[in-house]
Amino acid sequence: MATNLSIDPELIEKALEVSGERTKKAAVTKALQEFIARRRQKRLLELFGKLEWDEAYDYKAERKRK
């Protein structure tokens, strides 16, 4: 899908520099992928302390199960 965006040229130049990508498209794609991954991680972190754990669960025993 073709999209035209007006992005601050200084941001693009910095993104190219820090990402090591050769094209603007590659730098923007990488930035979006990292943004999405970071937001997903943040959602996972918000779950800490909210889940109930089974203290009797033995993950090592589960590894041996076939």
N, C-alpha and C. Protein backbone atom coordinates (compact mmCIF):
# COMPACT_ATOMS: atom_id res chain seq x y z
N MET A 1 0.85 -1.17 0.00
CA MET A 1 0.00 0.00 0.00
C MET A 1 0.90 1.24 0.00
N ALA A 2 0.77 2.05 -0.97
CA ALA A 2 1.56 3.27 -1.06
C ALA A 2 0.97 4.32 -0.14
N THR A 3 1.86 5.00 0.59
CA THR A 3 1.43 6.04 1.51
C THR A 3 2.41 7.20 1.43
N ASN A 4 1.88 8.38 1.36
CA ASN A 4 2.72 9.57 1.38
C ASN A 4 2.62 10.20 2.76
N LEU A 5 3.78 10.40 3.38
CA LEU A 5 3.83 11.00 4.71
C LEU A 5 4.80 12.16 4.71
N SER A 6 4.46 13.15 5.51
CA SER A 6 5.36 14.28 5.70
C SER A 6 6.09 14.03 7.03
N ILE A 7 7.33 13.59 6.94
CA ILE A 7 8.12 13.26 8.13
C ILE A 7 9.28 14.24 8.22
N ASP A 8 9.56 14.68 9.43
CA ASP A 8 10.65 15.61 9.69
C ASP A 8 11.95 15.05 9.09
N PRO A 9 12.55 15.77 8.17
CA PRO A 9 13.78 15.28 7.52
C PRO A 9 14.91 14.98 8.50
N GLU A 10 15.00 15.76 9.59
CA GLU A 10 16.04 15.50 10.58
C GLU A 10 15.82 14.15 11.27
N LEU A 11 14.55 13.82 11.53
CA LEU A 11 14.25 12.53 12.13
C LEU A 11 14.63 11.38 11.20
N ILE A 12 14.33 11.56 9.93
CA ILE A 12 14.68 10.52 8.95
C ILE A 12 16.20 10.34 8.91
N GLU A 13 16.93 11.43 8.88
CA GLU A 13 18.39 11.35 8.83
C GLU A 13 18.94 10.66 10.08
N LYS A 14 18.40 10.99 11.24
CA LYS A 14 18.85 10.34 12.48
C LYS A 14 18.50 8.85 12.46
N ALA A 15 17.31 8.54 11.95
CA ALA A 15 16.89 7.13 11.87
C ALA A 15 17.81 6.35 10.94
N LEU A 16 18.17 6.94 9.82
CA LEU A 16 19.10 6.28 8.89
C LEU A 16 20.45 6.06 9.57
N GLU A 17 20.89 7.04 10.31
CA GLU A 17 22.19 6.97 10.96
C GLU A 17 22.22 5.88 12.04
N VAL A 18 21.23 5.87 12.93
CA VAL A 18 21.28 4.93 14.04
C VAL A 18 20.85 3.52 13.65
N SER A 19 20.03 3.41 12.61
CA SER A 19 19.55 2.08 12.21
C SER A 19 20.55 1.34 11.34
N GLY A 20 21.37 2.09 10.62
CA GLY A 20 22.30 1.46 9.69
C GLY A 20 21.63 1.06 8.38
N GLU A 21 20.37 1.42 8.24
CA GLU A 21 19.66 1.10 7.00
C GLU A 21 20.13 2.03 5.89
N ARG A 22 19.95 1.58 4.66
CA ARG A 22 20.42 2.36 3.51
C ARG A 22 19.34 3.23 2.90
N THR A 23 18.08 2.86 3.11
CA THR A 23 17.00 3.63 2.50
C THR A 23 16.05 4.17 3.57
N LYS A 24 15.35 5.22 3.19
CA LYS A 24 14.37 5.81 4.10
C LYS A 24 13.27 4.81 4.41
N LYS A 25 12.83 4.10 3.39
CA LYS A 25 11.78 3.11 3.58
C LYS A 25 12.20 2.05 4.59
N ALA A 26 13.42 1.55 4.45
CA ALA A 26 13.91 0.52 5.37
C ALA A 26 14.02 1.06 6.79
N ALA A 27 14.46 2.30 6.92
CA ALA A 27 14.60 2.90 8.25
C ALA A 27 13.23 3.09 8.90
N VAL A 28 12.25 3.55 8.15
CA VAL A 28 10.91 3.74 8.68
C VAL A 28 10.28 2.40 9.01
N THR A 29 10.47 1.40 8.17
CA THR A 29 9.93 0.07 8.43
C THR A 29 10.51 -0.49 9.72
N LYS A 30 11.83 -0.39 9.88
CA LYS A 30 12.47 -0.89 11.09
C LYS A 30 11.97 -0.14 12.32
N ALA A 31 11.81 1.16 12.20
CA ALA A 31 11.33 1.96 13.33
C ALA A 31 9.92 1.54 13.73
N LEU A 32 9.07 1.29 12.76
CA LEU A 32 7.71 0.86 13.06
C LEU A 32 7.69 -0.53 13.69
N GLN A 33 8.53 -1.43 13.19
CA GLN A 33 8.61 -2.77 13.77
C GLN A 33 9.06 -2.71 15.23
N GLU A 34 10.06 -1.89 15.50
CA GLU A 34 10.55 -1.75 16.87
C GLU A 34 9.52 -1.08 17.77
N PHE A 35 8.79 -0.12 17.25
CA PHE A 35 7.73 0.55 18.00
C PHE A 35 6.66 -0.45 18.41
N ILE A 36 6.24 -1.27 17.45
CA ILE A 36 5.21 -2.29 17.72
C ILE A 36 5.70 -3.29 18.75
N ALA A 37 6.94 -3.77 18.59
CA ALA A 37 7.49 -4.74 19.53
C ALA A 37 7.57 -4.16 20.94
N ARG A 38 7.98 -2.92 21.06
CA ARG A 38 8.10 -2.29 22.37
C ARG A 38 6.74 -2.12 23.03
N ARG A 39 5.72 -1.77 22.26
CA ARG A 39 4.37 -1.63 22.82
C ARG A 39 3.83 -2.98 23.28
N ARG A 40 4.12 -4.03 22.53
CA ARG A 40 3.69 -5.37 22.93
C ARG A 40 4.38 -5.79 24.22
N GLN A 41 5.66 -5.48 24.34
CA GLN A 41 6.40 -5.78 25.56
C GLN A 41 5.80 -5.03 26.74
N LYS A 42 5.43 -3.79 26.52
CA LYS A 42 4.86 -2.98 27.59
C LYS A 42 3.57 -3.61 28.10
N ARG A 43 2.74 -4.13 27.19
CA ARG A 43 1.49 -4.78 27.60
C ARG A 43 1.78 -6.01 28.45
N LEU A 44 2.83 -6.76 28.08
CA LEU A 44 3.19 -7.94 28.87
C LEU A 44 3.67 -7.54 30.26
N LEU A 45 4.44 -6.48 30.34
CA LEU A 45 4.94 -6.02 31.63
C LEU A 45 3.80 -5.60 32.55
N GLU A 46 2.74 -5.07 31.98
CA GLU A 46 1.59 -4.65 32.77
C GLU A 46 0.88 -5.83 33.43
N LEU A 47 1.11 -7.05 32.92
CA LEU A 47 0.49 -8.24 33.49
C LEU A 47 1.21 -8.75 34.74
N PHE A 48 2.47 -8.34 34.92
CA PHE A 48 3.22 -8.82 36.08
C PHE A 48 2.49 -8.45 37.37
N GLY A 49 2.36 -9.45 38.23
CA GLY A 49 1.68 -9.26 39.49
C GLY A 49 0.18 -9.44 39.42
N LYS A 50 -0.36 -9.66 38.23
CA LYS A 50 -1.79 -9.80 38.06
C LYS A 50 -2.21 -11.23 37.78
N LEU A 51 -1.24 -12.08 37.48
CA LEU A 51 -1.55 -13.48 37.16
C LEU A 51 -1.32 -14.35 38.39
N GLU A 52 -2.16 -15.35 38.55
CA GLU A 52 -1.99 -16.28 39.65
C GLU A 52 -1.10 -17.44 39.20
N TRP A 53 -0.12 -17.77 40.02
CA TRP A 53 0.81 -18.84 39.70
C TRP A 53 0.53 -20.05 40.56
N ASP A 54 0.68 -21.21 39.97
CA ASP A 54 0.54 -22.46 40.70
C ASP A 54 1.91 -22.81 41.28
N GLU A 55 2.03 -22.67 42.59
CA GLU A 55 3.31 -22.91 43.25
C GLU A 55 3.78 -24.35 43.10
N ALA A 56 2.87 -25.28 42.88
CA ALA A 56 3.21 -26.69 42.76
C ALA A 56 3.66 -27.07 41.34
N TYR A 57 3.53 -26.16 40.39
CA TYR A 57 3.89 -26.46 39.00
C TYR A 57 5.39 -26.69 38.89
N ASP A 58 5.78 -27.79 38.26
CA ASP A 58 7.19 -28.13 38.09
C ASP A 58 7.51 -28.11 36.60
N TYR A 59 8.07 -26.99 36.15
CA TYR A 59 8.36 -26.86 34.72
C TYR A 59 9.41 -27.86 34.25
N LYS A 60 10.32 -28.26 35.13
CA LYS A 60 11.35 -29.23 34.74
C LYS A 60 10.72 -30.58 34.46
N ALA A 61 9.73 -30.95 35.23
CA ALA A 61 9.04 -32.21 35.00
C ALA A 61 8.29 -32.18 33.67
N GLU A 62 7.76 -31.04 33.32
CA GLU A 62 7.04 -30.90 32.05
C GLU A 62 7.98 -31.03 30.86
N ARG A 63 9.21 -30.62 31.01
CA ARG A 63 10.20 -30.75 29.92
C ARG A 63 10.49 -32.21 29.61
N LYS A 64 10.47 -33.05 30.63
CA LYS A 64 10.80 -34.47 30.46
C LYS A 64 9.62 -35.25 29.89
N ARG A 65 8.44 -34.71 29.98
CA ARG A 65 7.24 -35.39 29.51
C ARG A 65 7.26 -35.52 28.00
N LYS A 66 6.87 -36.69 27.50
CA LYS A 66 6.85 -36.89 26.05
C LYS A 66 5.51 -37.31 25.57
